[in-house]
Amino acid sequence: MKKLTYLALNDASKKSLETAETTGLKECVSISDVLGRVLSSEVRCIKNLPSFDNSAMDGFAIKHEDAGKQLKVIATILAGQSIKESLEQGTCYRIMTGAKVPSDADTIIPIENMIEVNENIVTLPKEIKKGSNKRFKGEEQAVGSLLFKIGETIKATHIAMLAAQGITTLEVYKKISIAVISTGNELKEPWQSASEDEIFNSNSYALVSQLKQHGFDATYAGVVPDNLEQSTQYLKQLKNFDVIITTGGISMGDADFVAKAYEENDLEVSFHGINVKPGRPTMMGKMGKTYVMALPGNPLTAMVKAQLLAIPILNKIQGASAVYHDFITAKNKEQFKTKMGRSNVVLGNLSQGEYQVTRNNKYGSGMLTPLVESNCMIVTNEGRAGIEVGESVKVILLNSALVEIQADIFN
């Protein structure tokens, strides 16, 4: 396999997104099961919101011209009730929140704003704004207006709007299939026995869970053996998946057979190596129609790279329009050093507007504890040797949602 020059992290992110193609498969799903799915067709308003003029408060429906007068209450209108217009000079309606406002009333006065309220007689204040507390038909959304566009990921708030429209079925992109596999003869499954020379497989379970947090269903497909012929055959059997994510086996060691096995399966490499600490051995490409993400084998680095690179790619393949990392600006609480000449991914904690670096940025890529201790990370550019106290930093939450607008996330 041809060795490629290490890409800058920003270039690697851009190139990986450029080569990712959105799935074209669609299906119809009930709104009871549509949470987290991606719209494949736009949704337009089919019922005015609100669908009739209604009261925003418990109070009295009046004609604005009667401001300051004493009026007689001639009817009480409850939510769900509709009455015939019958206002005459010197009269008003008692009305409840959400109730339909008759066309002969143009203003609602809350009970607490009245000068005096008796059983059937009320006195209005003199200063009244015409149209106040009256919700007009279609003022929120009118029939034909665009509610949601193609590529939006459905949230609970979307479902509230859909239910209010009487929409029970949506067209969404079919969920992509993802295979997650690990590499290494030294790996044992958590339920197996492991000697001191063997380690339990944490990467695959971590990645499957991480993907699930972001709305993806992934299949754990086992461990690739450290053997070229067996690795080649193993990967060949996974070409029916939309995405394959592997960890380890793509460095330059003699036993790193995964990169060679991908080559035997005609992988078209987008890049092999990123100029970043940690996680230089990272490879992306396409094996036929299957998108391949070969992440580093160290657990901390694998999860960090999945957050930075894999999650945006998967969102694009799934059809989502939000594929870029968002950030929160915070003040750095503790001075720490970074490695010059590379981008640095630095774990930390965001609390009350301050970023606290994890362990002063002194931990190994094979560790898991720093991940447990952190809720965010920052990314430095290649020219930085450290971050000073009080400096503003751009913080990426470890489980943050993505956005549609690309921003510079480097500090």
Protein backbone atom coordinates (compact mmCIF):
# COMPACT_ATOMS: atom_id res chain seq x y z
CA MET A 1 0.00 0.00 0.00
CA LYS A 2 1.30 3.40 -0.95
CA LYS A 3 2.36 5.47 2.03
CA LEU A 4 0.72 8.88 2.09
CA THR A 5 2.05 12.03 3.69
CA TYR A 6 0.55 12.74 7.11
CA LEU A 7 -2.34 15.14 6.66
CA ALA A 8 -3.12 18.04 8.94
CA LEU A 9 -6.10 17.20 11.15
CA ASN A 10 -8.29 19.84 9.53
CA ASP A 11 -7.44 18.54 6.03
CA ALA A 12 -8.12 14.96 7.11
CA SER A 13 -11.53 15.94 8.45
CA LYS A 14 -12.39 17.80 5.25
CA LYS A 15 -11.20 14.98 2.98
CA SER A 16 -13.02 12.28 4.93
CA LEU A 17 -16.29 14.19 4.64
CA GLU A 18 -15.77 14.83 0.94
CA THR A 19 -15.44 11.12 0.21
CA ALA A 20 -18.49 10.15 2.30
CA GLU A 21 -21.64 9.72 0.22
CA THR A 22 -25.15 10.00 1.64
CA THR A 23 -27.22 6.86 1.54
CA GLY A 24 -30.11 6.94 -0.92
CA LEU A 25 -32.27 4.30 0.76
CA LYS A 26 -35.47 5.55 2.39
CA GLU A 27 -38.34 4.17 4.44
CA CYS A 28 -41.52 5.34 6.13
CA VAL A 29 -41.56 5.32 9.93
CA SER A 30 -44.25 6.05 12.53
CA ILE A 31 -43.68 9.13 14.69
CA SER A 32 -43.58 6.82 17.72
CA ASP A 33 -40.34 5.34 16.31
CA VAL A 34 -38.85 8.31 14.46
CA LEU A 35 -36.79 9.89 17.26
CA GLY A 36 -33.18 10.31 16.10
CA ARG A 37 -33.93 9.48 12.46
CA VAL A 38 -32.95 11.74 9.54
CA LEU A 39 -35.59 13.24 7.25
CA SER A 40 -35.32 12.29 3.58
CA SER A 41 -38.14 14.60 2.47
CA GLU A 42 -39.24 18.01 3.67
CA VAL A 43 -42.24 18.51 5.94
CA ARG A 44 -44.67 21.37 5.33
CA CYS A 45 -47.46 22.77 7.46
CA ILE A 46 -50.84 21.20 6.67
CA LYS A 47 -52.79 22.74 9.55
CA ASN A 48 -52.51 26.35 10.68
CA LEU A 49 -50.88 26.87 14.08
CA PRO A 50 -52.93 27.89 15.86
CA SER A 51 -55.85 26.66 13.76
CA PHE A 52 -58.18 29.36 15.15
CA ASP A 53 -57.94 32.64 17.05
CA ASN A 54 -57.63 31.77 20.75
CA SER A 55 -56.90 33.26 24.13
CA ALA A 56 -53.42 33.17 25.62
CA MET A 57 -54.74 33.88 29.13
CA ASP A 58 -57.63 33.31 31.49
CA GLY A 59 -59.46 36.63 31.35
CA PHE A 60 -61.99 38.64 29.39
CA ALA A 61 -62.48 39.02 25.64
CA ILE A 62 -63.43 42.61 24.77
CA LYS A 63 -63.58 45.23 22.05
CA HIS A 64 -60.53 47.49 22.38
CA GLU A 65 -62.73 50.58 22.11
CA ASP A 66 -64.22 49.71 25.53
CA ALA A 67 -60.95 50.35 27.40
CA GLY A 68 -61.59 51.96 30.80
CA LYS A 69 -65.29 51.07 30.83
CA GLN A 70 -67.43 48.93 33.07
CA LEU A 71 -68.77 45.94 31.14
CA LYS A 72 -71.31 43.18 31.64
CA VAL A 73 -70.15 39.56 31.22
CA ILE A 74 -72.66 37.88 28.88
CA ALA A 75 -71.03 34.44 28.39
CA THR A 76 -68.19 32.21 29.52
CA ILE A 77 -66.10 30.48 26.83
CA LEU A 78 -64.21 27.33 27.81
CA ALA A 79 -61.38 25.65 25.89
CA GLY A 80 -62.87 23.44 23.19
CA GLN A 81 -66.07 25.47 23.12
CA SER A 82 -67.26 27.71 20.28
CA ILE A 83 -70.02 30.32 20.65
CA LYS A 84 -71.89 32.62 18.26
CA GLU A 85 -70.77 36.26 18.19
CA SER A 86 -73.08 38.28 20.45
CA LEU A 87 -71.17 41.29 21.83
CA GLU A 88 -73.20 44.45 22.16
CA GLN A 89 -72.22 47.83 23.54
CA GLY A 90 -71.09 47.53 27.17
CA THR A 91 -70.59 43.75 27.14
CA CYS A 92 -67.70 41.22 27.14
CA TYR A 93 -66.95 37.50 27.38
CA ARG A 94 -65.25 35.63 30.18
CA ILE A 95 -62.71 33.35 28.44
CA MET A 96 -60.30 30.57 29.40
CA THR A 97 -56.77 29.91 28.06
CA GLY A 98 -56.86 28.19 24.67
CA ALA A 99 -60.54 28.92 24.08
CA LYS A 100 -61.67 30.16 20.66
CA VAL A 101 -62.06 33.95 20.52
CA PRO A 102 -65.23 35.08 18.72
CA SER A 103 -64.60 37.41 15.78
CA ASP A 104 -66.34 40.34 17.51
CA ALA A 105 -63.65 40.49 20.26
CA ASP A 106 -60.19 41.82 19.38
CA THR A 107 -58.36 41.92 22.74
CA ILE A 108 -57.94 39.74 25.83
CA ILE A 109 -57.44 41.23 29.30
CA PRO A 110 -56.04 38.85 31.96
CA ILE A 111 -58.09 38.57 35.14
CA GLU A 112 -55.22 39.95 37.23
CA ASN A 113 -55.08 43.14 35.11
CA MET A 114 -58.72 44.10 35.63
CA ILE A 115 -59.52 47.09 37.84
CA GLU A 116 -62.49 45.30 39.40
CA VAL A 117 -64.10 41.89 38.88
CA ASN A 118 -67.52 40.97 40.24
CA GLU A 119 -69.75 38.04 39.34
CA ASN A 120 -71.17 39.58 36.14
CA ILE A 121 -69.64 43.08 36.06
CA VAL A 122 -65.99 43.98 35.37
CA THR A 123 -64.10 47.26 35.11
CA LEU A 124 -61.35 47.55 32.46
CA PRO A 125 -58.07 49.46 32.81
CA LYS A 126 -57.70 52.52 30.61
CA GLU A 127 -54.34 51.57 29.10
CA ILE A 128 -54.89 48.51 26.92
CA LYS A 129 -52.92 47.38 23.87
CA LYS A 130 -55.18 46.29 21.05
CA GLY A 131 -54.80 42.59 20.19
CA SER A 132 -52.93 41.75 23.39
CA ASN A 133 -53.10 38.14 24.64
CA LYS A 134 -54.95 37.03 21.51
CA ARG A 135 -53.24 34.28 19.48
CA PHE A 136 -54.18 34.62 15.84
CA LYS A 137 -54.90 31.81 13.40
CA GLY A 138 -51.71 30.75 11.59
CA GLU A 139 -49.46 33.26 13.39
CA GLU A 140 -46.98 30.52 14.38
CA GLN A 141 -47.13 28.44 11.20
CA ALA A 142 -49.38 28.90 8.18
CA VAL A 143 -50.48 26.14 5.80
CA GLY A 144 -47.73 25.54 3.24
CA SER A 145 -44.84 26.91 5.31
CA LEU A 146 -41.70 24.77 5.62
CA LEU A 147 -41.51 23.06 9.01
CA PHE A 148 -38.50 20.75 8.57
CA LYS A 149 -36.04 20.34 5.74
CA ILE A 150 -34.31 17.31 4.29
CA GLY A 151 -31.38 16.22 6.47
CA GLU A 152 -32.79 17.32 9.83
CA THR A 153 -32.45 14.83 12.67
CA ILE A 154 -35.74 14.32 14.50
CA LYS A 155 -35.80 15.41 18.15
CA ALA A 156 -38.59 15.37 20.73
CA THR A 157 -39.47 18.96 19.80
CA HIS A 158 -39.92 17.92 16.16
CA ILE A 159 -42.29 15.15 17.26
CA ALA A 160 -44.39 17.65 19.21
CA MET A 161 -44.81 19.70 16.04
CA LEU A 162 -45.60 16.62 13.94
CA ALA A 163 -48.27 15.49 16.37
CA ALA A 164 -49.77 18.99 16.37
CA GLN A 165 -50.03 18.69 12.58
CA GLY A 166 -51.69 15.28 12.72
CA ILE A 167 -48.70 13.75 10.89
CA THR A 168 -48.22 10.15 11.96
CA THR A 169 -45.74 8.81 9.36
CA LEU A 170 -42.50 10.29 8.04
CA GLU A 171 -40.13 9.43 5.19
CA VAL A 172 -36.61 9.05 6.57
CA TYR A 173 -33.27 7.69 5.42
CA LYS A 174 -32.86 4.01 6.14
CA LYS A 175 -30.46 3.40 9.02
CA ILE A 176 -26.94 2.65 7.87
CA SER A 177 -25.27 -0.62 8.84
CA ILE A 178 -21.98 -0.36 10.76
CA ALA A 179 -19.55 -3.14 11.59
CA VAL A 180 -17.13 -2.56 14.47
CA ILE A 181 -14.15 -4.89 14.80
CA SER A 182 -10.92 -5.02 16.78
CA THR A 183 -7.53 -6.49 15.92
CA GLY A 184 -4.89 -8.43 17.83
CA ASN A 185 -4.18 -11.97 18.96
CA GLU A 186 -3.70 -10.67 22.48
CA LEU A 187 -7.36 -9.67 22.83
CA LYS A 188 -9.83 -11.59 24.93
CA GLU A 189 -13.53 -10.93 25.29
CA PRO A 190 -14.63 -9.58 28.70
CA TRP A 191 -16.36 -12.88 29.55
CA GLN A 192 -13.26 -14.94 28.76
CA SER A 193 -10.23 -15.64 30.95
CA ALA A 194 -7.16 -13.48 30.30
CA SER A 195 -3.60 -14.10 31.41
CA GLU A 196 -1.21 -11.32 32.39
CA ASP A 197 0.03 -11.27 28.79
CA GLU A 198 -3.46 -10.81 27.37
CA ILE A 199 -5.89 -7.91 27.52
CA PHE A 200 -9.66 -7.61 27.45
CA ASN A 201 -11.21 -6.12 24.34
CA SER A 202 -12.53 -2.71 25.38
CA ASN A 203 -12.37 -0.85 22.04
CA SER A 204 -15.27 -2.51 20.28
CA TYR A 205 -17.64 -2.24 23.22
CA ALA A 206 -16.63 1.37 23.77
CA LEU A 207 -17.16 2.32 20.13
CA VAL A 208 -20.50 0.52 19.78
CA SER A 209 -21.72 2.38 22.88
CA GLN A 210 -20.27 5.68 21.68
CA LEU A 211 -22.05 5.33 18.35
CA LYS A 212 -25.30 4.46 20.11
CA GLN A 213 -25.05 7.69 22.12
CA HIS A 214 -25.09 9.51 18.78
CA GLY A 215 -28.07 7.58 17.42
CA PHE A 216 -26.31 4.85 15.40
CA ASP A 217 -26.81 1.12 15.61
CA ALA A 218 -23.53 -0.76 15.20
CA THR A 219 -22.77 -4.47 15.08
CA TYR A 220 -19.80 -5.87 16.94
CA ALA A 221 -18.29 -8.25 14.36
CA GLY A 222 -15.47 -9.77 16.39
CA VAL A 223 -11.67 -9.64 16.31
CA VAL A 224 -9.55 -9.70 13.15
CA PRO A 225 -6.68 -12.20 13.57
CA ASP A 226 -3.04 -11.10 13.20
CA ASN A 227 -2.67 -13.04 9.98
CA LEU A 228 -2.74 -11.51 6.50
CA GLU A 229 -4.67 -14.29 4.77
CA GLN A 230 -7.24 -14.61 7.55
CA SER A 231 -7.55 -10.82 7.91
CA THR A 232 -8.12 -10.41 4.17
CA GLN A 233 -10.87 -13.03 4.15
CA TYR A 234 -12.42 -11.62 7.33
CA LEU A 235 -12.75 -8.11 5.87
CA LYS A 236 -14.05 -9.46 2.57
CA GLN A 237 -17.05 -10.91 4.38
CA LEU A 238 -17.98 -7.46 5.74
CA LYS A 239 -18.44 -5.70 2.39
CA ASN A 240 -22.22 -5.83 2.76
CA PHE A 241 -21.99 -3.21 5.56
CA ASP A 242 -22.26 0.50 4.75
CA VAL A 243 -19.38 1.28 7.12
CA ILE A 244 -16.57 -0.75 8.66
CA ILE A 245 -14.75 0.64 11.70
CA THR A 246 -11.59 -1.14 12.83
CA THR A 247 -9.18 -0.29 15.63
CA GLY A 248 -5.48 -1.12 15.43
CA GLY A 249 -3.41 -2.95 12.87
CA ILE A 250 -2.57 -0.03 10.58
CA SER A 251 0.77 1.16 11.96
CA MET A 252 4.07 0.13 10.38
CA GLY A 253 4.77 -2.89 12.61
CA ASP A 254 5.39 -6.36 11.24
CA ALA A 255 2.19 -7.68 12.80
CA ASP A 256 -0.04 -4.86 11.57
CA PHE A 257 -1.89 -6.81 8.91
CA VAL A 258 -5.13 -4.78 8.71
CA ALA A 259 -3.82 -2.14 6.32
CA LYS A 260 -2.44 -4.88 4.06
CA ALA A 261 -5.69 -6.84 4.28
CA TYR A 262 -7.64 -3.74 3.23
CA GLU A 263 -5.25 -3.35 0.30
CA GLU A 264 -5.98 -6.97 -0.74
CA ASN A 265 -9.68 -6.03 -0.74
CA ASP A 266 -9.06 -3.09 -3.13
CA LEU A 267 -9.43 -0.31 -0.60
CA GLU A 268 -9.19 3.15 -2.20
CA VAL A 269 -7.27 5.08 0.46
CA SER A 270 -8.20 8.69 1.11
CA PHE A 271 -5.36 9.14 3.58
CA HIS A 272 -3.20 7.04 5.87
CA GLY A 273 -1.85 9.06 8.76
CA ILE A 274 -2.79 12.34 10.45
CA ASN A 275 -0.42 14.87 11.95
CA VAL A 276 -2.07 14.85 15.37
CA LYS A 277 -1.27 13.81 18.94
CA PRO A 278 -2.61 11.35 19.87
CA GLY A 279 -3.72 9.23 16.93
CA ARG A 280 -1.32 9.54 14.01
CA PRO A 281 -2.07 6.01 12.65
CA THR A 282 -5.53 6.67 11.19
CA MET A 283 -6.75 5.59 7.76
CA MET A 284 -9.90 6.37 5.78
CA GLY A 285 -11.09 5.14 2.41
CA LYS A 286 -13.68 3.21 0.43
CA MET A 287 -13.82 -0.50 -0.27
CA GLY A 288 -16.34 -0.65 -3.07
CA LYS A 289 -19.46 0.99 -1.64
CA THR A 290 -18.31 0.43 1.93
CA TYR A 291 -16.75 3.35 3.81
CA VAL A 292 -13.74 2.28 5.88
CA MET A 293 -12.52 3.96 9.06
CA ALA A 294 -9.36 2.41 10.46
CA LEU A 295 -8.74 4.00 13.85
CA PRO A 296 -5.77 3.65 16.21
CA GLY A 297 -5.66 0.65 18.53
CA ASN A 298 -5.11 2.50 21.80
CA PRO A 299 -8.49 2.86 23.56
CA LEU A 300 -8.26 6.54 24.51
CA THR A 301 -7.16 7.51 21.01
CA ALA A 302 -9.78 5.33 19.34
CA MET A 303 -12.64 7.02 21.19
CA VAL A 304 -11.25 10.52 20.65
CA LYS A 305 -10.82 9.87 16.92
CA ALA A 306 -14.32 8.42 16.72
CA GLN A 307 -15.68 11.66 18.18
CA LEU A 308 -13.61 13.97 15.99
CA LEU A 309 -13.80 12.09 12.67
CA ALA A 310 -16.14 9.09 12.67
CA ILE A 311 -19.28 10.73 14.07
CA PRO A 312 -19.35 13.54 11.43
CA ILE A 313 -18.74 11.01 8.62
CA LEU A 314 -21.50 8.72 9.83
CA ASN A 315 -23.89 11.66 10.04
CA LYS A 316 -23.21 12.55 6.42
CA ILE A 317 -23.59 8.97 5.21
CA GLN A 318 -26.87 8.76 7.15
CA GLY A 319 -28.10 11.85 5.30
CA ALA A 320 -27.91 14.38 8.13
CA SER A 321 -27.15 17.99 7.22
CA ALA A 322 -25.43 18.61 10.59
CA VAL A 323 -21.89 17.23 10.13
CA TYR A 324 -19.65 19.81 11.82
CA HIS A 325 -18.47 20.11 15.41
CA ASP A 326 -19.90 22.87 17.54
CA PHE A 327 -17.91 24.43 20.36
CA ILE A 328 -18.28 26.42 23.56
CA THR A 329 -15.89 29.27 24.36
CA ALA A 330 -14.42 28.99 27.86
CA LYS A 331 -11.56 30.38 29.95
CA ASN A 332 -8.61 28.07 30.51
CA LYS A 333 -8.07 27.43 34.23
CA GLU A 334 -4.60 25.85 34.30
CA GLN A 335 -1.52 26.35 32.12
CA PHE A 336 -0.38 23.27 30.19
CA LYS A 337 2.00 22.34 27.38
CA THR A 338 1.27 20.81 23.96
CA LYS A 339 3.55 19.28 21.33
CA MET A 340 4.69 21.73 18.67
CA GLY A 341 4.44 20.73 15.01
CA ARG A 342 1.24 18.70 15.42
CA SER A 343 -2.37 19.32 16.28
CA ASN A 344 -3.03 18.24 19.85
CA VAL A 345 -6.26 16.81 21.22
CA VAL A 346 -6.40 17.63 24.93
CA LEU A 347 -8.99 16.19 27.30
CA GLY A 348 -10.51 18.28 30.05
CA ASN A 349 -13.62 19.30 31.95
CA LEU A 350 -15.97 22.19 31.26
CA SER A 351 -17.68 23.67 34.31
CA GLN A 352 -19.18 27.11 34.90
CA GLY A 353 -17.53 28.60 31.83
CA GLU A 354 -14.03 27.32 32.65
CA TYR A 355 -11.92 24.62 31.00
CA GLN A 356 -9.83 22.46 33.33
CA VAL A 357 -7.24 20.30 31.57
CA THR A 358 -7.19 16.62 32.58
CA ARG A 359 -4.02 15.62 34.46
CA ASN A 360 -2.17 18.65 33.08
CA ASN A 361 -2.21 16.89 29.67
CA LYS A 362 0.10 14.18 31.01
CA TYR A 363 -1.46 10.79 30.24
CA GLY A 364 -0.98 7.95 27.79
CA SER A 365 -3.05 7.11 24.72
CA GLY A 366 -3.50 3.56 26.03
CA MET A 367 -5.27 4.76 29.18
CA LEU A 368 -9.00 4.76 29.88
CA THR A 369 -9.19 6.65 33.18
CA PRO A 370 -8.55 10.12 31.63
CA LEU A 371 -11.61 9.57 29.41
CA VAL A 372 -13.72 8.71 32.43
CA GLU A 373 -12.46 11.84 34.19
CA SER A 374 -13.25 14.17 31.23
CA ASN A 375 -16.37 15.63 29.64
CA CYS A 376 -14.79 17.60 26.80
CA MET A 377 -11.69 18.26 24.73
CA ILE A 378 -9.94 21.04 22.88
CA VAL A 379 -7.89 20.87 19.68
CA THR A 380 -4.75 22.99 19.30
CA ASN A 381 -3.19 23.96 16.00
CA GLU A 382 0.27 22.83 14.95
CA GLY A 383 1.96 26.06 15.99
CA ARG A 384 0.98 25.97 19.66
CA ALA A 385 3.36 24.95 22.44
CA GLY A 386 0.79 25.35 25.20
CA ILE A 387 -2.25 27.17 26.54
CA GLU A 388 -1.97 29.89 29.17
CA VAL A 389 -4.15 30.58 32.22
CA GLY A 390 -7.11 32.80 31.35
CA GLU A 391 -6.80 32.19 27.63
CA SER A 392 -10.04 31.64 25.71
CA VAL A 393 -10.35 28.12 24.33
CA LYS A 394 -12.88 26.42 22.05
CA VAL A 395 -14.29 23.41 23.86
CA ILE A 396 -15.91 20.40 22.18
CA LEU A 397 -18.14 18.34 24.46
CA LEU A 398 -17.46 14.60 24.26
CA ASN A 399 -21.09 13.81 23.46
CA SER A 400 -22.13 17.03 21.76
CA ALA A 401 -24.52 17.22 18.82
CA LEU A 402 -23.24 18.40 15.45
CA VAL A 403 -24.25 21.55 13.57
CA GLU A 404 -24.73 22.49 9.92
CA ILE A 405 -22.27 25.39 9.83
CA GLN A 406 -18.55 24.68 9.81
CA ALA A 407 -16.44 26.63 12.29
CA ASP A 408 -12.76 26.82 13.17
CA ILE A 409 -12.39 24.59 16.24
CA PHE A 410 -8.63 25.00 16.61
CA ASN A 411 -7.14 26.91 19.52
